[in-house]
Amino acid sequence: MSDNQDPHSPGIEPGQTSLPCVMVFNTNDPSGAGGLAADLTAMASASVHVLPVVTGTYIRDTSEVHDHIAFDEDVLTDQARCALEDMPVQAFKVGFVGSPENLSAIAGLATDYPDVPVVAYMPDLSWWDEIAIETYLDACVELLLPQTTVLVGNHNTLCRWLLPDWEGDRPPNAREIARAAAVHGVPYTLVTGFNAADQMLESHLASPDTVLAGARYERFEATFNGAGDTLSAALCALIAAGADLQTACAEALNYLDQCLDAGFQPGMGHATPDRLFWAHEDDTADLAAGDTAGTSADSTLDADHFPLDTTKH
């Protein structure tokens, strides 16, 4: 026993872990709505240990993104390599990383770990310069998508990116978007934000051949920052914890729905998902008093309680 070890603590040997490890590549968001802040809190809710690699930082508030500063790719690589040489990872999550050089560095790292799944989230980049957007998306197609296991994105964002020349009388469906992603090596795509009838929104998990799962939600009146990062982080964490893809998708979608339902407005702009809604003292008190409508930490991400193909918020 070392001099600093607590004699009453469990005997945990080096390299022994009780939590899956997930490495996240994402930018800092000083508003706390998205980026690494979303990844850390959402993944903590799914009981995984997060290895956060900072790729840059937004200059933003709750209303808009004013600018972004990308870190040098060597800084990214050094952070990741140091952690990866020490800890095994069960999944990678890639958010917005700010530059083609950073995408190249991440693709190189993922190549060295071919058996580790990669969940990639593509946010709305309309705040950025058009040339920067085009360069970044081209690099994603060439470098990131061939390494990606599940691509996550809003319907409009993915359509504009992957099917820019679509001329059909209707918008592309989830399987058509998944087919476009599969051209670049992506086996599965989770498409969110389909506009459905009766003010509903739909999300679909699809492969090029079939729609594997779907869910319908009532549209929220509020506009949220960080919803996509929250969903993709939860999905990645659940995959890392051993859930099959359809179960992980079901739990992640329902977790996001509860985060949005408990969302709040911290500033003068858009709302923020409450990713720790399950930890509130009031909820615990309600459960202790017999309020069966509350949500406990044990059931936060339980797909059995929140099956797919049902109507939620």
Protein backbone atom coordinates (compact mmCIF):
# COMPACT_ATOMS: atom_id res chain seq x y z
CA MET A 1 0.00 0.00 0.00
CA SER A 2 1.36 3.42 -0.94
CA ASP A 3 1.85 6.18 1.61
CA ASN A 4 -1.09 8.13 0.12
CA GLN A 5 -3.56 5.25 -0.16
CA ASP A 6 -6.59 5.17 2.10
CA PRO A 7 -6.49 1.84 3.99
CA HIS A 8 -10.30 1.74 3.95
CA SER A 9 -10.64 2.32 0.19
CA PRO A 10 -11.25 -0.53 -2.30
CA GLY A 11 -8.08 -2.13 -3.63
CA ILE A 12 -8.09 -0.83 -7.22
CA GLU A 13 -5.02 -1.82 -9.16
CA PRO A 14 -3.53 0.41 -11.92
CA GLY A 15 -5.38 -0.12 -15.20
CA GLN A 16 -8.45 -1.51 -13.44
CA THR A 17 -11.59 0.54 -14.01
CA SER A 18 -15.26 0.31 -13.17
CA LEU A 19 -16.40 2.83 -15.79
CA PRO A 20 -16.05 2.79 -19.58
CA CYS A 21 -13.80 5.53 -20.95
CA VAL A 22 -14.85 7.74 -23.87
CA MET A 23 -12.54 10.19 -25.60
CA VAL A 24 -14.27 13.34 -26.82
CA PHE A 25 -12.91 15.77 -29.38
CA ASN A 26 -14.85 19.02 -29.16
CA THR A 27 -14.53 22.74 -28.72
CA ASN A 28 -15.03 24.70 -25.52
CA ASP A 29 -18.35 26.55 -25.26
CA PRO A 30 -18.18 29.35 -22.67
CA SER A 31 -21.99 29.59 -22.61
CA GLY A 32 -22.09 26.03 -21.23
CA ALA A 33 -24.75 24.98 -23.72
CA GLY A 34 -22.81 22.82 -26.15
CA GLY A 35 -19.31 21.65 -26.94
CA LEU A 36 -17.36 19.94 -24.20
CA ALA A 37 -19.77 21.18 -21.51
CA ALA A 38 -22.57 19.17 -23.12
CA ASP A 39 -20.37 16.12 -23.60
CA LEU A 40 -19.15 16.05 -20.02
CA THR A 41 -22.55 16.39 -18.35
CA ALA A 42 -24.45 14.11 -20.74
CA MET A 43 -21.84 11.36 -20.58
CA ALA A 44 -21.59 11.65 -16.81
CA SER A 45 -25.34 11.02 -16.72
CA ALA A 46 -24.71 7.73 -18.52
CA SER A 47 -21.96 6.74 -16.04
CA VAL A 48 -18.92 6.83 -18.29
CA HIS A 49 -15.55 8.44 -17.67
CA VAL A 50 -14.87 11.24 -20.18
CA LEU A 51 -11.44 11.98 -21.63
CA PRO A 52 -12.04 15.50 -23.03
CA VAL A 53 -9.67 16.75 -25.73
CA VAL A 54 -10.08 20.52 -26.24
CA THR A 55 -9.84 21.39 -29.94
CA GLY A 56 -10.50 25.13 -29.67
CA THR A 57 -13.01 27.55 -28.24
CA TYR A 58 -16.08 29.42 -29.33
CA ILE A 59 -16.44 33.10 -28.66
CA ARG A 60 -20.16 33.05 -27.99
CA ASP A 61 -23.07 33.79 -25.72
CA THR A 62 -26.52 32.22 -25.52
CA SER A 63 -27.73 34.21 -28.54
CA GLU A 64 -25.09 33.55 -31.17
CA VAL A 65 -21.59 32.43 -32.07
CA HIS A 66 -19.37 35.45 -32.62
CA ASP A 67 -16.17 33.61 -33.55
CA HIS A 68 -14.17 30.42 -33.08
CA ILE A 69 -10.48 29.89 -32.40
CA ALA A 70 -9.08 26.48 -33.34
CA PHE A 71 -6.13 25.04 -31.45
CA ASP A 72 -3.08 23.76 -33.32
CA GLU A 73 -3.37 20.11 -34.38
CA ASP A 74 -0.21 19.23 -32.46
CA VAL A 75 -1.89 20.41 -29.25
CA LEU A 76 -4.85 18.13 -30.02
CA THR A 77 -2.63 15.16 -30.81
CA ASP A 78 -0.49 15.58 -27.71
CA GLN A 79 -3.57 15.70 -25.46
CA ALA A 80 -5.07 12.60 -27.03
CA ARG A 81 -1.92 10.48 -27.27
CA CYS A 82 -0.98 11.12 -23.65
CA ALA A 83 -4.39 9.94 -22.42
CA LEU A 84 -4.66 7.03 -24.87
CA GLU A 85 -1.31 5.61 -23.83
CA ASP A 86 -2.58 5.52 -20.24
CA MET A 87 -6.25 4.51 -20.53
CA PRO A 88 -8.19 2.19 -22.86
CA VAL A 89 -11.19 3.78 -24.57
CA GLN A 90 -14.46 2.15 -25.60
CA ALA A 91 -15.61 4.92 -27.99
CA PHE A 92 -14.67 8.22 -29.61
CA LYS A 93 -16.99 11.19 -30.04
CA VAL A 94 -16.18 13.96 -32.50
CA GLY A 95 -18.00 17.30 -32.36
CA PHE A 96 -16.96 20.56 -34.00
CA VAL A 97 -13.16 20.68 -34.05
CA GLY A 98 -12.58 23.90 -35.96
CA SER A 99 -10.14 23.08 -38.77
CA PRO A 100 -9.27 20.52 -41.46
CA GLU A 101 -5.91 20.03 -39.73
CA ASN A 102 -7.65 18.94 -36.53
CA LEU A 103 -9.89 16.60 -38.52
CA SER A 104 -6.79 15.05 -40.09
CA ALA A 105 -5.23 14.53 -36.66
CA ILE A 106 -8.38 12.85 -35.33
CA ALA A 107 -8.65 10.63 -38.40
CA GLY A 108 -5.06 9.51 -37.82
CA LEU A 109 -5.81 8.67 -34.20
CA ALA A 110 -8.97 6.76 -35.10
CA THR A 111 -7.03 4.75 -37.69
CA ASP A 112 -4.78 3.50 -34.90
CA TYR A 113 -7.85 2.20 -33.01
CA PRO A 114 -9.91 0.52 -35.77
CA ASP A 115 -12.08 -1.47 -33.34
CA VAL A 116 -13.22 1.59 -31.37
CA PRO A 117 -16.55 3.04 -32.63
CA VAL A 118 -16.68 6.71 -33.64
CA VAL A 119 -19.80 8.86 -33.17
CA ALA A 120 -19.56 12.09 -35.18
CA TYR A 121 -21.92 15.04 -34.77
CA MET A 122 -22.29 17.71 -37.44
CA PRO A 123 -23.69 20.97 -36.01
CA ASP A 124 -25.22 23.89 -37.88
CA LEU A 125 -22.28 25.98 -39.16
CA SER A 126 -24.30 28.83 -40.68
CA TRP A 127 -22.64 31.32 -38.30
CA TRP A 128 -19.27 30.67 -40.01
CA ASP A 129 -17.67 32.08 -43.17
CA GLU A 130 -18.88 30.30 -46.32
CA ILE A 131 -15.39 29.42 -47.51
CA ALA A 132 -14.48 28.09 -44.07
CA ILE A 133 -17.65 25.98 -44.02
CA GLU A 134 -16.96 24.48 -47.44
CA THR A 135 -13.34 23.68 -46.57
CA TYR A 136 -14.32 22.10 -43.25
CA LEU A 137 -17.12 19.98 -44.72
CA ASP A 138 -14.90 18.77 -47.56
CA ALA A 139 -12.33 17.68 -44.98
CA CYS A 140 -15.04 15.88 -43.01
CA VAL A 141 -16.05 13.94 -46.11
CA GLU A 142 -12.49 12.98 -46.97
CA LEU A 143 -11.05 12.39 -43.49
CA LEU A 144 -13.71 11.89 -40.81
CA LEU A 145 -16.62 10.07 -42.45
CA PRO A 146 -14.53 7.03 -43.50
CA GLN A 147 -13.76 6.57 -39.77
CA THR A 148 -17.32 7.21 -38.55
CA THR A 149 -19.59 4.50 -37.17
CA VAL A 150 -22.65 6.68 -36.51
CA LEU A 151 -23.21 10.15 -37.99
CA VAL A 152 -25.62 12.38 -36.06
CA GLY A 153 -27.16 15.58 -37.39
CA ASN A 154 -30.26 17.63 -38.00
CA HIS A 155 -32.23 16.80 -41.14
CA ASN A 156 -31.71 20.22 -42.74
CA THR A 157 -27.99 20.29 -41.92
CA LEU A 158 -27.31 16.83 -43.32
CA CYS A 159 -29.40 17.45 -46.43
CA ARG A 160 -27.55 20.66 -47.29
CA TRP A 161 -24.23 18.92 -46.74
CA LEU A 162 -24.67 15.43 -48.18
CA LEU A 163 -27.41 16.02 -50.78
CA PRO A 164 -26.87 19.62 -51.98
CA ASP A 165 -28.21 18.88 -55.48
CA TRP A 166 -31.42 17.15 -54.35
CA GLU A 167 -34.22 17.98 -56.83
CA GLY A 168 -37.06 15.78 -55.59
CA ASP A 169 -40.56 17.07 -54.89
CA ARG A 170 -40.14 16.03 -51.26
CA PRO A 171 -37.24 16.35 -48.83
CA PRO A 172 -34.86 13.36 -48.62
CA ASN A 173 -35.89 10.74 -46.12
CA ALA A 174 -33.61 9.17 -43.51
CA ARG A 175 -32.61 6.21 -45.67
CA GLU A 176 -31.67 8.49 -48.56
CA ILE A 177 -29.51 10.61 -46.25
CA ALA A 178 -27.96 7.46 -44.80
CA ARG A 179 -27.26 6.23 -48.32
CA ALA A 180 -25.47 9.50 -49.13
CA ALA A 181 -23.40 9.16 -45.95
CA ALA A 182 -22.62 5.53 -46.75
CA VAL A 183 -20.97 6.58 -50.01
CA HIS A 184 -18.25 8.05 -47.77
CA GLY A 185 -18.05 5.02 -45.48
CA VAL A 186 -20.66 5.69 -42.76
CA PRO A 187 -22.73 2.58 -41.89
CA TYR A 188 -25.37 4.32 -39.70
CA THR A 189 -26.92 7.78 -39.59
CA LEU A 190 -29.17 9.28 -36.90
CA VAL A 191 -31.21 12.05 -38.51
CA THR A 192 -33.13 14.39 -36.22
CA GLY A 193 -35.65 17.17 -36.73
CA PHE A 194 -37.89 15.80 -39.47
CA ASN A 195 -40.94 18.03 -39.72
CA ALA A 196 -44.03 15.86 -39.33
CA ALA A 197 -47.73 16.61 -39.22
CA ASP A 198 -49.47 18.08 -36.18
CA GLN A 199 -46.44 20.10 -35.03
CA MET A 200 -44.41 16.96 -34.42
CA LEU A 201 -40.72 16.29 -34.99
CA GLU A 202 -39.32 12.88 -35.87
CA SER A 203 -35.89 11.29 -35.52
CA HIS A 204 -34.76 8.22 -37.45
CA LEU A 205 -31.80 5.87 -37.15
CA ALA A 206 -31.09 4.48 -40.62
CA SER A 207 -28.69 2.42 -42.65
CA PRO A 208 -28.56 2.64 -46.45
CA ASP A 209 -31.00 -0.27 -46.63
CA THR A 210 -33.53 0.36 -43.90
CA VAL A 211 -34.81 2.59 -41.12
CA LEU A 212 -33.81 0.82 -37.92
CA ALA A 213 -35.73 2.93 -35.41
CA GLY A 214 -37.79 6.08 -35.16
CA ALA A 215 -39.35 8.35 -32.57
CA ARG A 216 -41.87 11.23 -32.61
CA TYR A 217 -41.73 14.25 -30.34
CA GLU A 218 -43.89 17.25 -29.67
CA ARG A 219 -42.19 20.41 -30.86
CA PHE A 220 -40.86 22.70 -28.12
CA GLU A 221 -41.66 26.38 -28.40
CA ALA A 222 -38.17 27.32 -27.17
CA THR A 223 -35.01 27.34 -29.29
CA PHE A 224 -32.18 25.35 -27.68
CA ASN A 225 -28.41 25.54 -27.91
CA GLY A 226 -26.53 22.28 -27.43
CA ALA A 227 -29.27 19.75 -28.21
CA GLY A 228 -27.26 17.93 -30.89
CA ASP A 229 -24.13 17.69 -28.76
CA THR A 230 -26.26 16.36 -25.89
CA LEU A 231 -27.87 13.66 -28.03
CA SER A 232 -24.66 12.52 -29.71
CA ALA A 233 -22.78 12.48 -26.40
CA ALA A 234 -25.45 10.33 -24.74
CA LEU A 235 -25.54 7.98 -27.73
CA CYS A 236 -21.76 7.58 -27.70
CA ALA A 237 -21.66 6.98 -23.95
CA LEU A 238 -24.32 4.29 -24.13
CA ILE A 239 -22.54 2.51 -26.98
CA ALA A 240 -19.33 2.62 -24.93
CA ALA A 241 -21.18 1.10 -21.99
CA GLY A 242 -22.15 -1.89 -24.13
CA ALA A 243 -25.66 -1.11 -25.35
CA ASP A 244 -26.57 -2.23 -28.84
CA LEU A 245 -27.11 0.59 -31.32
CA GLN A 246 -30.93 0.56 -31.36
CA THR A 247 -31.17 0.48 -27.56
CA ALA A 248 -28.56 3.23 -27.26
CA CYS A 249 -30.49 5.34 -29.77
CA ALA A 250 -33.77 4.85 -27.87
CA GLU A 251 -32.24 5.81 -24.54
CA ALA A 252 -30.33 8.78 -25.95
CA LEU A 253 -33.39 10.24 -27.67
CA ASN A 254 -35.49 9.95 -24.57
CA TYR A 255 -32.73 11.38 -22.40
CA LEU A 256 -32.56 14.39 -24.73
CA ASP A 257 -36.33 14.80 -24.55
CA GLN A 258 -36.17 14.98 -20.77
CA CYS A 259 -33.22 17.39 -20.92
CA LEU A 260 -35.22 19.72 -23.14
CA ASP A 261 -38.36 19.35 -21.07
CA ALA A 262 -36.36 20.47 -18.03
CA GLY A 263 -34.47 23.11 -20.02
CA PHE A 264 -33.83 26.61 -18.74
CA GLN A 265 -32.77 30.03 -20.02
CA PRO A 266 -29.53 31.07 -18.30
CA GLY A 267 -29.08 34.31 -20.25
CA MET A 268 -30.85 36.64 -22.63
CA GLY A 269 -30.67 34.28 -25.62
CA HIS A 270 -31.67 30.70 -26.32
CA ALA A 271 -32.51 27.98 -23.83
CA THR A 272 -30.09 25.29 -22.60
CA PRO A 273 -30.90 21.61 -22.01
CA ASP A 274 -30.74 20.57 -18.36
CA ARG A 275 -28.59 17.47 -18.69
CA LEU A 276 -28.57 16.89 -14.94
CA PHE A 277 -32.34 17.10 -14.48
CA TRP A 278 -32.31 13.74 -12.71
CA ALA A 279 -30.04 15.03 -9.93
CA HIS A 280 -32.26 17.83 -8.65
CA GLU A 281 -33.05 17.70 -4.95
CA ASP A 282 -36.70 18.48 -5.58
CA ASP A 283 -37.05 15.42 -7.79
CA THR A 284 -35.46 13.24 -5.11
CA ALA A 285 -37.85 14.63 -2.52
CA ASP A 286 -40.82 13.96 -4.81
CA LEU A 287 -39.74 10.37 -5.29
CA ALA A 288 -39.30 9.90 -1.56
CA ALA A 289 -42.85 11.17 -1.11
CA GLY A 290 -44.14 8.59 -3.58
CA ASP A 291 -44.35 10.72 -6.73
CA THR A 292 -44.14 8.05 -9.42
CA ALA A 293 -44.05 10.68 -12.17
CA GLY A 294 -40.51 11.71 -11.20
CA THR A 295 -37.34 10.34 -12.74
CA SER A 296 -34.64 8.65 -10.70
CA ALA A 297 -30.96 8.40 -11.54
CA ASP A 298 -31.39 4.64 -12.09
CA SER A 299 -34.03 5.14 -14.78
CA THR A 300 -32.61 8.21 -16.47
CA LEU A 301 -31.43 6.34 -19.55
CA ASP A 302 -33.62 3.24 -19.36
CA ALA A 303 -35.03 2.44 -22.80
CA ASP A 304 -37.50 -0.06 -21.35
CA HIS A 305 -39.36 2.82 -19.71
CA PHE A 306 -39.22 4.96 -22.86
CA PRO A 307 -39.76 2.74 -25.90
CA LEU A 308 -39.38 4.00 -29.45
CA ASP A 309 -42.31 4.89 -31.71
CA THR A 310 -44.22 6.67 -28.95
CA THR A 311 -45.12 10.32 -28.65
CA LYS A 312 -43.05 12.42 -26.28
CA HIS A 313 -42.18 16.10 -25.96
